[in-house]
C-alpha cells in the first residue's frame, strides 16, 4: 500500500454531495467529522502500532464514509469493514480502491450484528480489535454481541450515546447502574476515552456521544443461564427487594436461602445495589447447592438392616 502522505479528504457533506447521496435516518447514519476524535479512537484500537509500523487487524462496524477507515489503514495491517448500506460500500470502493487492491482493506455489505466477527478477524494478523461508530437504536445489540464474543476480542472501541457510556461506567446503587452494566463488566473492563459533542457529526444528532474502550477482562465471569437469570430478575423491577425479585424464577426458596447466606448477601437489599462480584458469588453458591442436591439424589440407597 502507498505510504505517501494522503491528500486531505473531502468533508462528509462534500462526499455525500459528490456521490449524490444523503444520510439515511433508518440506518442511523451520523458521520463523524471530528478528526481529533477519530485519531483517538484509532490509536486506542491499535495500541501496538507506532512510528509508521502497522499492527494487527481491525474489524470496523459501519464505516460509512471512511472517517475511521482511512486513519485505521495507516495503523493496522488489515481493516475489515462491514456496512449494510450498499451505497456507503460503493463510496469506499471508489475512494479506497488502492487499499482494496492491495488487500489492506476488505469490504462486506451485510448486517454487522449477524456477521461472523471471529471468522473475519481470524483472516488477518493479530492483535485483533473491533471498532464502531454505532447507530444509537441498536447499541445494546452490539454490546451484547461483543460480550458474547469477548473471549476472541482483546479490545473493542465503540462510539455510543453518552447516556450509554454513563451506564457502563456507573457504580452499584446509582440510577444508571443496570443489567447492561453487569453483563458488560462480566466480560470487559470498560473505560471512557472521551466525550464527543453532537456538533462533531453530520448530520448533527440530538444528543452527545462518548467513546468507550472495552478491554477483555483478565478475570471474566462466565455468562451462564443461571448468572443471566440472577441479573435479569434482580433488575426487572428495581424497587423490589431481592427476596421478591428472585421469587418465582428457576431457583427454589431453599436454594436461595442457602446461597444468599453463604455468599453474604442480604435479600432485603435491592438488585441495583449488588456488585458484579456479589452476583458472581451468588451464582457460585447456587451451583454448589445444585451439585450437593444432585449428589444426594443420585446416591445409592443403603440396604435395609438385616
C-alpha atoms as a PDB file:
ATOM      1  CA  UNK A   1       0.000   0.000   0.000  1.00  0.00           C
ATOM      2  CA  UNK A   2       1.182   3.529  -0.764  1.00  0.00           C
ATOM      3  CA  UNK A   3       2.826   5.063   2.330  1.00  0.00           C
ATOM      4  CA  UNK A   4       2.995   8.605   0.959  1.00  0.00           C
ATOM      5  CA  UNK A   5       1.045  11.256   2.901  1.00  0.00           C
ATOM      6  CA  UNK A   6      -2.589  11.373   1.901  1.00  0.00           C
ATOM      7  CA  UNK A   7      -4.296  14.399   0.460  1.00  0.00           C
ATOM      8  CA  UNK A   8      -6.935  15.886   2.759  1.00  0.00           C
ATOM      9  CA  UNK A   9     -10.244  14.109   2.279  1.00  0.00           C
ATOM     10  CA  UNK A  10     -13.411  15.986   1.371  1.00  0.00           C
ATOM     11  CA  UNK A  11     -15.849  16.665   4.204  1.00  0.00           C
ATOM     12  CA  UNK A  12     -18.723  14.290   4.875  1.00  0.00           C
ATOM     13  CA  UNK A  13     -21.115  16.806   3.365  1.00  0.00           C
ATOM     14  CA  UNK A  14     -18.932  17.158   0.256  1.00  0.00           C
ATOM     15  CA  UNK A  15     -18.562  13.390  -0.162  1.00  0.00           C
ATOM     16  CA  UNK A  16     -22.297  12.852   0.066  1.00  0.00           C
ATOM     17  CA  UNK A  17     -22.903  15.612  -2.459  1.00  0.00           C
ATOM     18  CA  UNK A  18     -20.217  14.254  -4.781  1.00  0.00           C
ATOM     19  CA  UNK A  19     -21.818  10.805  -4.796  1.00  0.00           C
ATOM     20  CA  UNK A  20     -25.374  12.101  -4.914  1.00  0.00           C
ATOM     21  CA  UNK A  21     -26.282  10.675  -1.511  1.00  0.00           C
ATOM     22  CA  UNK A  22     -27.964  11.706   1.737  1.00  0.00           C
ATOM     23  CA  UNK A  23     -27.610  10.352   5.267  1.00  0.00           C
ATOM     24  CA  UNK A  24     -30.252   7.723   5.992  1.00  0.00           C
ATOM     25  CA  UNK A  25     -32.155   8.062   9.270  1.00  0.00           C
ATOM     26  CA  UNK A  26     -33.279   4.441   9.030  1.00  0.00           C
ATOM     27  CA  UNK A  27     -29.640   3.328   9.158  1.00  0.00           C
ATOM     28  CA  UNK A  28     -28.814   5.713  12.000  1.00  0.00           C
ATOM     29  CA  UNK A  29     -26.206   7.478   9.866  1.00  0.00           C
ATOM     30  CA  UNK A  30     -24.444  10.332  11.651  1.00  0.00           C
ATOM     31  CA  UNK A  31     -20.989  10.641  10.117  1.00  0.00           C
ATOM     32  CA  UNK A  32     -18.086  11.586  12.385  1.00  0.00           C
ATOM     33  CA  UNK A  33     -16.396  14.816  11.251  1.00  0.00           C
ATOM     34  CA  UNK A  34     -14.056  15.400  14.216  1.00  0.00           C
ATOM     35  CA  UNK A  35     -10.566  14.352  13.111  1.00  0.00           C
ATOM     36  CA  UNK A  36      -9.167  14.599  16.642  1.00  0.00           C
ATOM     37  CA  UNK A  37     -11.793  12.184  17.989  1.00  0.00           C
ATOM     38  CA  UNK A  38     -11.183   9.838  15.051  1.00  0.00           C
ATOM     39  CA  UNK A  39      -7.440   9.817  15.766  1.00  0.00           C
ATOM     40  CA  UNK A  40      -8.004   8.970  19.434  1.00  0.00           C
ATOM     41  CA  UNK A  41     -10.354   6.110  18.540  1.00  0.00           C
ATOM     42  CA  UNK A  42      -7.897   4.669  16.042  1.00  0.00           C
ATOM     43  CA  UNK A  43      -4.967   4.914  18.470  1.00  0.00           C
ATOM     44  CA  UNK A  44      -6.979   3.154  21.188  1.00  0.00           C
ATOM     45  CA  UNK A  45      -7.823   0.307  18.808  1.00  0.00           C
ATOM     46  CA  UNK A  46      -4.258  -0.106  17.557  1.00  0.00           C
ATOM     47  CA  UNK A  47      -2.016   0.438  20.599  1.00  0.00           C
ATOM     48  CA  UNK A  48       0.752  -1.765  19.156  1.00  0.00           C
ATOM     49  CA  UNK A  49       1.232   0.429  16.086  1.00  0.00           C
ATOM     50  CA  UNK A  50       3.895   3.120  16.274  1.00  0.00           C
ATOM     51  CA  UNK A  51       6.433   5.002  14.173  1.00  0.00           C
ATOM     52  CA  UNK A  52       4.751   4.046  10.928  1.00  0.00           C
ATOM     53  CA  UNK A  53       4.689   0.324  11.752  1.00  0.00           C
ATOM     54  CA  UNK A  54       1.235  -1.158  11.216  1.00  0.00           C
ATOM     55  CA  UNK A  55      -0.005  -3.886  13.560  1.00  0.00           C
ATOM     56  CA  UNK A  56      -2.921  -6.281  13.667  1.00  0.00           C
ATOM     57  CA  UNK A  57      -6.389  -6.491  12.211  1.00  0.00           C
ATOM     58  CA  UNK A  58      -9.346  -4.223  12.929  1.00  0.00           C
ATOM     59  CA  UNK A  59     -12.968  -5.074  12.242  1.00  0.00           C
ATOM     60  CA  UNK A  60     -14.833  -1.835  11.654  1.00  0.00           C
ATOM     61  CA  UNK A  61     -18.592  -1.749  12.090  1.00  0.00           C
ATOM     62  CA  UNK A  62     -20.432   0.815   9.994  1.00  0.00           C
ATOM     63  CA  UNK A  63     -17.536   2.550   8.205  1.00  0.00           C
ATOM     64  CA  UNK A  64     -19.892   4.968   6.451  1.00  0.00           C
ATOM     65  CA  UNK A  65     -17.780   7.468   4.510  1.00  0.00           C
ATOM     66  CA  UNK A  66     -14.491   6.258   5.972  1.00  0.00           C
ATOM     67  CA  UNK A  67     -13.802   8.759   8.777  1.00  0.00           C
ATOM     68  CA  UNK A  68     -12.257   5.940  10.829  1.00  0.00           C
ATOM     69  CA  UNK A  69     -11.373   3.610   7.969  1.00  0.00           C
ATOM     70  CA  UNK A  70      -8.748   5.921   6.478  1.00  0.00           C
ATOM     71  CA  UNK A  71      -6.745   6.503   9.699  1.00  0.00           C
ATOM     72  CA  UNK A  72      -7.149   2.832  10.615  1.00  0.00           C
ATOM     73  CA  UNK A  73      -5.433   1.884   7.365  1.00  0.00           C
ATOM     74  CA  UNK A  74      -2.446   3.946   8.476  1.00  0.00           C
ATOM     75  CA  UNK A  75      -2.018   1.922  11.704  1.00  0.00           C
ATOM     76  CA  UNK A  76      -3.494  -1.564  11.113  1.00  0.00           C
ATOM     77  CA  UNK A  77      -2.105  -4.187   8.763  1.00  0.00           C
ATOM     78  CA  UNK A  78      -5.607  -5.093   7.720  1.00  0.00           C
ATOM     79  CA  UNK A  79      -9.009  -3.415   8.040  1.00  0.00           C
ATOM     80  CA  UNK A  80     -12.232  -5.357   7.531  1.00  0.00           C
ATOM     81  CA  UNK A  81     -15.218  -3.038   7.223  1.00  0.00           C
ATOM     82  CA  UNK A  82     -18.882  -4.088   7.399  1.00  0.00           C
ATOM     83  CA  UNK A  83     -21.753  -1.848   6.348  1.00  0.00           C
ATOM     84  CA  UNK A  84     -25.294  -2.851   5.455  1.00  0.00           C
ATOM     85  CA  UNK A  85     -25.738   0.209   3.225  1.00  0.00           C
ATOM     86  CA  UNK A  86     -24.567  -0.733  -0.303  1.00  0.00           C
ATOM     87  CA  UNK A  87     -24.257   2.942  -1.209  1.00  0.00           C
ATOM     88  CA  UNK A  88     -21.673   3.508   1.527  1.00  0.00           C
ATOM     89  CA  UNK A  89     -19.801   0.410   0.369  1.00  0.00           C
ATOM     90  CA  UNK A  90     -19.791   1.837  -3.146  1.00  0.00           C
ATOM     91  CA  UNK A  91     -18.338   5.141  -1.908  1.00  0.00           C
ATOM     92  CA  UNK A  92     -15.498   3.353  -0.123  1.00  0.00           C
ATOM     93  CA  UNK A  93     -14.825   1.158  -3.152  1.00  0.00           C
ATOM     94  CA  UNK A  94     -14.258   4.290  -5.188  1.00  0.00           C
ATOM     95  CA  UNK A  95     -12.398   6.298  -2.550  1.00  0.00           C
ATOM     96  CA  UNK A  96     -10.143   3.483  -1.325  1.00  0.00           C
ATOM     97  CA  UNK A  97      -9.614   1.403  -4.460  1.00  0.00           C
ATOM     98  CA  UNK A  98      -5.841   1.148  -3.949  1.00  0.00           C
ATOM     99  CA  UNK A  99      -6.251  -0.270  -0.446  1.00  0.00           C
ATOM    100  CA  UNK A 100      -8.803  -2.776  -1.709  1.00  0.00           C
ATOM    101  CA  UNK A 101      -6.463  -3.884  -4.478  1.00  0.00           C
ATOM    102  CA  UNK A 102      -3.538  -4.304  -2.097  1.00  0.00           C
ATOM    103  CA  UNK A 103      -5.622  -6.379   0.330  1.00  0.00           C
ATOM    104  CA  UNK A 104      -5.134  -3.946   3.197  1.00  0.00           C
ATOM    105  CA  UNK A 105      -8.887  -3.331   3.161  1.00  0.00           C
ATOM    106  CA  UNK A 106     -11.829  -5.641   2.623  1.00  0.00           C
ATOM    107  CA  UNK A 107     -15.444  -4.511   2.467  1.00  0.00           C
ATOM    108  CA  UNK A 108     -18.534  -6.537   3.345  1.00  0.00           C
ATOM    109  CA  UNK A 109     -22.093  -5.413   2.691  1.00  0.00           C
ATOM    110  CA  UNK A 110     -24.120  -7.184   5.379  1.00  0.00           C
ATOM    111  CA  UNK A 111     -25.735  -6.812   8.777  1.00  0.00           C
ATOM    112  CA  UNK A 112     -22.809  -6.432  11.185  1.00  0.00           C
ATOM    113  CA  UNK A 113     -24.766  -7.851  14.136  1.00  0.00           C
ATOM    114  CA  UNK A 114     -25.295 -11.147  12.322  1.00  0.00           C
ATOM    115  CA  UNK A 115     -21.805 -11.279  10.775  1.00  0.00           C
ATOM    116  CA  UNK A 116     -19.185 -13.766  11.997  1.00  0.00           C
ATOM    117  CA  UNK A 117     -16.780 -11.354  13.686  1.00  0.00           C
ATOM    118  CA  UNK A 118     -14.399 -14.064  14.861  1.00  0.00           C
ATOM    119  CA  UNK A 119     -14.025 -15.630  11.437  1.00  0.00           C
ATOM    120  CA  UNK A 120     -13.500 -12.258   9.778  1.00  0.00           C
ATOM    121  CA  UNK A 121     -10.847 -11.215  12.284  1.00  0.00           C
ATOM    122  CA  UNK A 122      -9.049 -14.561  12.094  1.00  0.00           C
ATOM    123  CA  UNK A 123      -8.375 -13.913   8.404  1.00  0.00           C
ATOM    124  CA  UNK A 124      -5.889 -11.224   9.420  1.00  0.00           C
ATOM    125  CA  UNK A 125      -2.872 -10.985  11.731  1.00  0.00           C
ATOM    126  CA  UNK A 126      -3.158 -10.425  15.476  1.00  0.00           C
ATOM    127  CA  UNK A 127      -3.702  -8.417  17.594  1.00  0.00           C
ATOM    128  CA  UNK A 128      -7.404  -8.097  16.821  1.00  0.00           C
ATOM    129  CA  UNK A 129      -9.791  -5.260  17.636  1.00  0.00           C
ATOM    130  CA  UNK A 130     -13.343  -4.176  16.872  1.00  0.00           C
ATOM    131  CA  UNK A 131     -14.217  -0.528  16.255  1.00  0.00           C
ATOM    132  CA  UNK A 132     -17.522   1.141  15.505  1.00  0.00           C
ATOM    133  CA  UNK A 133     -19.474   4.383  15.499  1.00  0.00           C
ATOM    134  CA  UNK A 134     -22.684   2.622  16.490  1.00  0.00           C
ATOM    135  CA  UNK A 135     -26.231   3.585  15.480  1.00  0.00           C
ATOM    136  CA  UNK A 136     -27.942   4.629  18.707  1.00  0.00           C
ATOM    137  CA  UNK A 137     -31.019   2.431  18.222  1.00  0.00           C
ATOM    138  CA  UNK A 138     -29.037  -0.836  18.110  1.00  0.00           C
ATOM    139  CA  UNK A 139     -26.185  -0.056  20.502  1.00  0.00           C
ATOM    140  CA  UNK A 140     -27.450  -2.571  23.063  1.00  0.00           C
ATOM    141  CA  UNK A 141     -27.445  -5.384  20.499  1.00  0.00           C
ATOM    142  CA  UNK A 142     -23.844  -4.625  19.507  1.00  0.00           C
ATOM    143  CA  UNK A 143     -22.749  -4.588  23.147  1.00  0.00           C
ATOM    144  CA  UNK A 144     -24.456  -7.942  23.699  1.00  0.00           C
ATOM    145  CA  UNK A 145     -22.677  -9.320  20.631  1.00  0.00           C
ATOM    146  CA  UNK A 146     -19.324  -8.081  21.903  1.00  0.00           C
ATOM    147  CA  UNK A 147     -19.938  -9.709  25.291  1.00  0.00           C
ATOM    148  CA  UNK A 148     -20.933 -12.960  23.589  1.00  0.00           C
ATOM    149  CA  UNK A 149     -17.663 -12.999  21.609  1.00  0.00           C
ATOM    150  CA  UNK A 150     -15.443 -11.430  24.271  1.00  0.00           C
ATOM    151  CA  UNK A 151     -13.105 -14.427  24.527  1.00  0.00           C
ATOM    152  CA  UNK A 152     -11.916 -13.620  20.995  1.00  0.00           C
ATOM    153  CA  UNK A 153     -11.924  -9.815  21.323  1.00  0.00           C
ATOM    154  CA  UNK A 154      -8.976  -8.324  23.231  1.00  0.00           C
ATOM    155  CA  UNK A 155     -10.181  -4.777  22.668  1.00  0.00           C
ATOM    156  CA  UNK A 156     -13.392  -3.115  21.496  1.00  0.00           C
ATOM    157  CA  UNK A 157     -13.757   0.618  20.894  1.00  0.00           C
ATOM    158  CA  UNK A 158     -17.305   1.892  20.408  1.00  0.00           C
ATOM    159  CA  UNK A 159     -18.783   5.336  19.894  1.00  0.00           C
ATOM    160  CA  UNK A 160     -22.061   5.271  21.806  1.00  0.00           C
ATOM    161  CA  UNK A 161     -24.639   7.682  23.139  1.00  0.00           C
ATOM    162  CA  UNK A 162     -23.190   9.437  26.204  1.00  0.00           C
ATOM    163  CA  UNK A 163     -26.024   8.068  28.325  1.00  0.00           C
ATOM    164  CA  UNK A 164     -24.964   4.508  27.453  1.00  0.00           C
ATOM    165  CA  UNK A 165     -21.351   5.243  28.392  1.00  0.00           C
ATOM    166  CA  UNK A 166     -22.565   6.592  31.732  1.00  0.00           C
ATOM    167  CA  UNK A 167     -24.430   3.318  32.318  1.00  0.00           C
ATOM    168  CA  UNK A 168     -21.405   1.168  31.511  1.00  0.00           C
ATOM    169  CA  UNK A 169     -19.226   3.095  33.951  1.00  0.00           C
ATOM    170  CA  UNK A 170     -21.776   3.575  36.747  1.00  0.00           C
ATOM    171  CA  UNK A 171     -21.438   2.332  40.317  1.00  0.00           C
ATOM    172  CA  UNK A 172     -23.842  -0.021  42.137  1.00  0.00           C
ATOM    173  CA  UNK A 173     -26.706   1.864  43.752  1.00  0.00           C
ATOM    174  CA  UNK A 174     -26.849   4.651  41.173  1.00  0.00           C
ATOM    175  CA  UNK A 175     -29.757   5.163  38.796  1.00  0.00           C
ATOM    176  CA  UNK A 176     -27.545   4.483  35.749  1.00  0.00           C
ATOM    177  CA  UNK A 177     -26.404   1.094  37.061  1.00  0.00           C
ATOM    178  CA  UNK A 178     -28.278  -1.807  35.491  1.00  0.00           C
ATOM    179  CA  UNK A 179     -28.160  -5.236  33.909  1.00  0.00           C
ATOM    180  CA  UNK A 180     -26.211  -3.928  30.901  1.00  0.00           C
ATOM    181  CA  UNK A 181     -23.525  -2.625  33.256  1.00  0.00           C
ATOM    182  CA  UNK A 182     -23.151  -6.011  34.927  1.00  0.00           C
ATOM    183  CA  UNK A 183     -23.104  -8.050  31.719  1.00  0.00           C
ATOM    184  CA  UNK A 184     -20.503  -5.827  30.026  1.00  0.00           C
ATOM    185  CA  UNK A 185     -18.291  -5.778  33.124  1.00  0.00           C
ATOM    186  CA  UNK A 186     -18.529  -9.543  33.388  1.00  0.00           C
ATOM    187  CA  UNK A 187     -16.570  -9.731  30.130  1.00  0.00           C
ATOM    188  CA  UNK A 188     -14.698  -6.434  29.812  1.00  0.00           C
ATOM    189  CA  UNK A 189     -13.008  -3.671  31.760  1.00  0.00           C
ATOM    190  CA  UNK A 190     -14.731  -0.531  30.379  1.00  0.00           C
ATOM    191  CA  UNK A 191     -13.287   2.975  30.347  1.00  0.00           C
ATOM    192  CA  UNK A 192     -14.273   6.273  28.782  1.00  0.00           C
ATOM    193  CA  UNK A 193     -11.828   7.521  26.173  1.00  0.00           C
ATOM    194  CA  UNK A 194     -13.545  10.848  25.523  1.00  0.00           C
ATOM    195  CA  UNK A 195     -16.862  12.616  25.146  1.00  0.00           C
ATOM    196  CA  UNK A 196     -17.847  13.797  21.663  1.00  0.00           C
ATOM    197  CA  UNK A 197     -20.245  16.702  21.191  1.00  0.00           C
ATOM    198  CA  UNK A 198     -23.176  16.401  18.817  1.00  0.00           C
ATOM    199  CA  UNK A 199     -21.620  19.058  16.583  1.00  0.00           C
ATOM    200  CA  UNK A 200     -18.862  16.578  15.708  1.00  0.00           C
ATOM    201  CA  UNK A 201     -21.225  14.706  13.370  1.00  0.00           C
ATOM    202  CA  UNK A 202     -23.027  15.303  10.101  1.00  0.00           C
ATOM    203  CA  UNK A 203     -25.931  15.386  10.247  1.00  0.00           C
ATOM    204  CA  UNK A 204     -25.930  16.614  13.834  1.00  0.00           C
ATOM    205  CA  UNK A 205     -27.703  14.223  16.255  1.00  0.00           C
ATOM    206  CA  UNK A 206     -29.837  15.438  19.149  1.00  0.00           C
ATOM    207  CA  UNK A 207     -27.544  14.039  21.840  1.00  0.00           C
ATOM    208  CA  UNK A 208     -23.851  13.935  22.703  1.00  0.00           C
ATOM    209  CA  UNK A 209     -21.768  10.796  22.334  1.00  0.00           C
ATOM    210  CA  UNK A 210     -18.853   9.156  24.114  1.00  0.00           C
ATOM    211  CA  UNK A 211     -16.136   6.720  23.126  1.00  0.00           C
ATOM    212  CA  UNK A 212     -15.808   3.680  25.375  1.00  0.00           C
ATOM    213  CA  UNK A 213     -12.891   1.272  25.355  1.00  0.00           C
ATOM    214  CA  UNK A 214     -13.679  -2.293  26.388  1.00  0.00           C
ATOM    215  CA  UNK A 215     -10.594  -4.274  27.327  1.00  0.00           C
ATOM    216  CA  UNK A 216     -11.122  -8.000  27.750  1.00  0.00           C
ATOM    217  CA  UNK A 217     -11.229  -8.873  31.447  1.00  0.00           C
ATOM    218  CA  UNK A 218      -8.399 -10.908  32.922  1.00  0.00           C
ATOM    219  CA  UNK A 219     -10.922 -12.443  35.313  1.00  0.00           C
ATOM    220  CA  UNK A 220     -14.150 -12.793  33.307  1.00  0.00           C
ATOM    221  CA  UNK A 221     -17.433 -14.014  34.735  1.00  0.00           C
ATOM    222  CA  UNK A 222     -18.950 -16.688  32.512  1.00  0.00           C
ATOM    223  CA  UNK A 223     -22.456 -15.658  31.468  1.00  0.00           C
ATOM    224  CA  UNK A 224     -24.218 -18.926  32.288  1.00  0.00           C
ATOM    225  CA  UNK A 225     -28.021 -19.225  32.138  1.00  0.00           C
ATOM    226  CA  UNK A 226     -28.023 -19.100  35.944  1.00  0.00           C
ATOM    227  CA  UNK A 227     -25.941 -15.915  36.093  1.00  0.00           C
ATOM    228  CA  UNK A 228     -28.081 -14.300  33.404  1.00  0.00           C
ATOM    229  CA  UNK A 229     -31.293 -15.158  35.254  1.00  0.00           C
ATOM    230  CA  UNK A 230     -29.962 -13.782  38.536  1.00  0.00           C
ATOM    231  CA  UNK A 231     -29.027 -10.459  36.970  1.00  0.00           C
ATOM    232  CA  UNK A 232     -32.095 -10.005  34.776  1.00  0.00           C
ATOM    233  CA  UNK A 233     -34.529 -10.831  37.593  1.00  0.00           C
ATOM    234  CA  UNK A 234     -32.682  -8.550  40.032  1.00  0.00           C
ATOM    235  CA  UNK A 235     -33.149  -5.554  37.713  1.00  0.00           C
ATOM    236  CA  UNK A 236     -36.571  -6.422  36.275  1.00  0.00           C
ATOM    237  CA  UNK A 237     -38.349  -4.327  38.906  1.00  0.00           C
ATOM    238  CA  UNK A 238     -35.821  -2.054  40.552  1.00  0.00           C
ATOM    239  CA  UNK A 239     -37.861  -1.208  43.651  1.00  0.00           C
ATOM    240  CA  UNK A 240     -38.287  -4.836  44.649  1.00  0.00           C
ATOM    241  CA  UNK A 241     -36.066  -6.455  47.244  1.00  0.00           C
ATOM    242  CA  UNK A 242     -34.015  -9.431  46.140  1.00  0.00           C
ATOM    243  CA  UNK A 243     -36.288 -11.703  48.184  1.00  0.00           C
ATOM    244  CA  UNK A 244     -39.197 -10.708  45.935  1.00  0.00           C
ATOM    245  CA  UNK A 245     -37.241 -10.146  42.691  1.00  0.00           C
ATOM    246  CA  UNK A 246     -35.780 -13.670  42.681  1.00  0.00           C
ATOM    247  CA  UNK A 247     -39.063 -15.302  43.680  1.00  0.00           C
ATOM    248  CA  UNK A 248     -40.821 -17.443  41.099  1.00  0.00           C
ATOM    249  CA  UNK A 249     -37.737 -17.934  38.969  1.00  0.00           C
ATOM    250  CA  UNK A 250     -35.694 -21.079  38.307  1.00  0.00           C
ATOM    251  CA  UNK A 251     -34.399 -21.128  41.902  1.00  0.00           C
ATOM    252  CA  UNK A 252     -36.079 -22.807  44.858  1.00  0.00           C
ATOM    253  CA  UNK A 253     -36.568 -20.924  48.112  1.00  0.00           C
ATOM    254  CA  UNK A 254     -34.249 -23.367  49.841  1.00  0.00           C
ATOM    255  CA  UNK A 255     -31.525 -22.817  47.237  1.00  0.00           C
ATOM    256  CA  UNK A 256     -31.823 -19.032  47.507  1.00  0.00           C
ATOM    257  CA  UNK A 257     -31.773 -19.166  51.303  1.00  0.00           C
ATOM    258  CA  UNK A 258     -28.626 -21.297  51.294  1.00  0.00           C
ATOM    259  CA  UNK A 259     -26.815 -19.364  48.538  1.00  0.00           C
ATOM    260  CA  UNK A 260     -27.542 -15.880  49.877  1.00  0.00           C
ATOM    261  CA  UNK A 261     -26.355 -16.849  53.358  1.00  0.00           C
ATOM    262  CA  UNK A 262     -23.200 -18.487  52.005  1.00  0.00           C
ATOM    263  CA  UNK A 263     -22.490 -15.520  49.688  1.00  0.00           C
ATOM    264  CA  UNK A 264     -23.139 -12.972  52.446  1.00  0.00           C
ATOM    265  CA  UNK A 265     -25.978 -11.255  50.586  1.00  0.00           C
ATOM    266  CA  UNK A 266     -28.913  -9.817  52.486  1.00  0.00           C
ATOM    267  CA  UNK A 267     -32.042 -10.446  50.415  1.00  0.00           C
ATOM    268  CA  UNK A 268     -33.739  -7.360  51.805  1.00  0.00           C
ATOM    269  CA  UNK A 269     -31.406  -5.353  49.551  1.00  0.00           C
ATOM    270  CA  UNK A 270     -32.434  -4.252  46.064  1.00  0.00           C
ATOM    271  CA  UNK A 271     -30.804  -5.712  42.974  1.00  0.00           C
ATOM    272  CA  UNK A 272     -29.242  -2.456  41.814  1.00  0.00           C
ATOM    273  CA  UNK A 273     -27.032  -2.406  44.937  1.00  0.00           C
ATOM    274  CA  UNK A 274     -25.253  -5.675  44.074  1.00  0.00           C
ATOM    275  CA  UNK A 275     -21.789  -5.543  42.550  1.00  0.00           C
ATOM    276  CA  UNK A 276     -20.559  -7.875  39.826  1.00  0.00           C
ATOM    277  CA  UNK A 277     -18.593  -9.827  42.420  1.00  0.00           C
ATOM    278  CA  UNK A 278     -21.726 -10.318  44.553  1.00  0.00           C
ATOM    279  CA  UNK A 279     -23.670 -11.653  41.570  1.00  0.00           C
ATOM    280  CA  UNK A 280     -20.733 -13.968  40.881  1.00  0.00           C
ATOM    281  CA  UNK A 281     -20.677 -15.239  44.482  1.00  0.00           C
ATOM    282  CA  UNK A 282     -24.429 -15.834  44.433  1.00  0.00           C
ATOM    283  CA  UNK A 283     -24.183 -17.896  41.269  1.00  0.00           C
ATOM    284  CA  UNK A 284     -21.279 -19.961  42.629  1.00  0.00           C
ATOM    285  CA  UNK A 285     -23.228 -20.787  45.790  1.00  0.00           C
ATOM    286  CA  UNK A 286     -26.352 -21.714  43.794  1.00  0.00           C
ATOM    287  CA  UNK A 287     -24.240 -24.050  41.699  1.00  0.00           C
ATOM    288  CA  UNK A 288     -22.796 -25.554  44.882  1.00  0.00           C
ATOM    289  CA  UNK A 289     -26.336 -26.101  46.181  1.00  0.00           C
ATOM    290  CA  UNK A 290     -27.345 -27.772  42.916  1.00  0.00           C
ATOM    291  CA  UNK A 291     -24.299 -30.050  42.967  1.00  0.00           C
ATOM    292  CA  UNK A 292     -24.967 -31.070  46.576  1.00  0.00           C
ATOM    293  CA  UNK A 293     -28.643 -31.719  45.901  1.00  0.00           C
ATOM    294  CA  UNK A 294     -27.848 -33.708  42.758  1.00  0.00           C
ATOM    295  CA  UNK A 295     -25.253 -35.823  44.580  1.00  0.00           C
ATOM    296  CA  UNK A 296     -27.739 -36.584  47.354  1.00  0.00           C
ATOM    297  CA  UNK A 297     -30.401 -37.538  44.805  1.00  0.00           C
ATOM    298  CA  UNK A 298     -28.050 -39.806  42.887  1.00  0.00           C
ATOM    299  CA  UNK A 299     -26.533 -41.504  45.939  1.00  0.00           C
ATOM    300  CA  UNK A 300     -27.488 -45.220  46.162  1.00  0.00           C
ATOM    301  CA  UNK A 301     -29.908 -46.093  48.915  1.00  0.00           C
ATOM    302  CA  UNK A 302     -28.493 -48.048  51.810  1.00  0.00           C
ATOM    303  CA  UNK A 303     -29.782 -51.611  52.013  1.00  0.00           C
ATOM    304  CA  UNK A 304     -32.253 -52.232  54.779  1.00  0.00           C
ATOM    305  CA  UNK A 305     -30.812 -53.531  58.047  1.00  0.00           C
ATOM    306  CA  UNK A 306     -30.965 -57.299  58.420  1.00  0.00           C
END
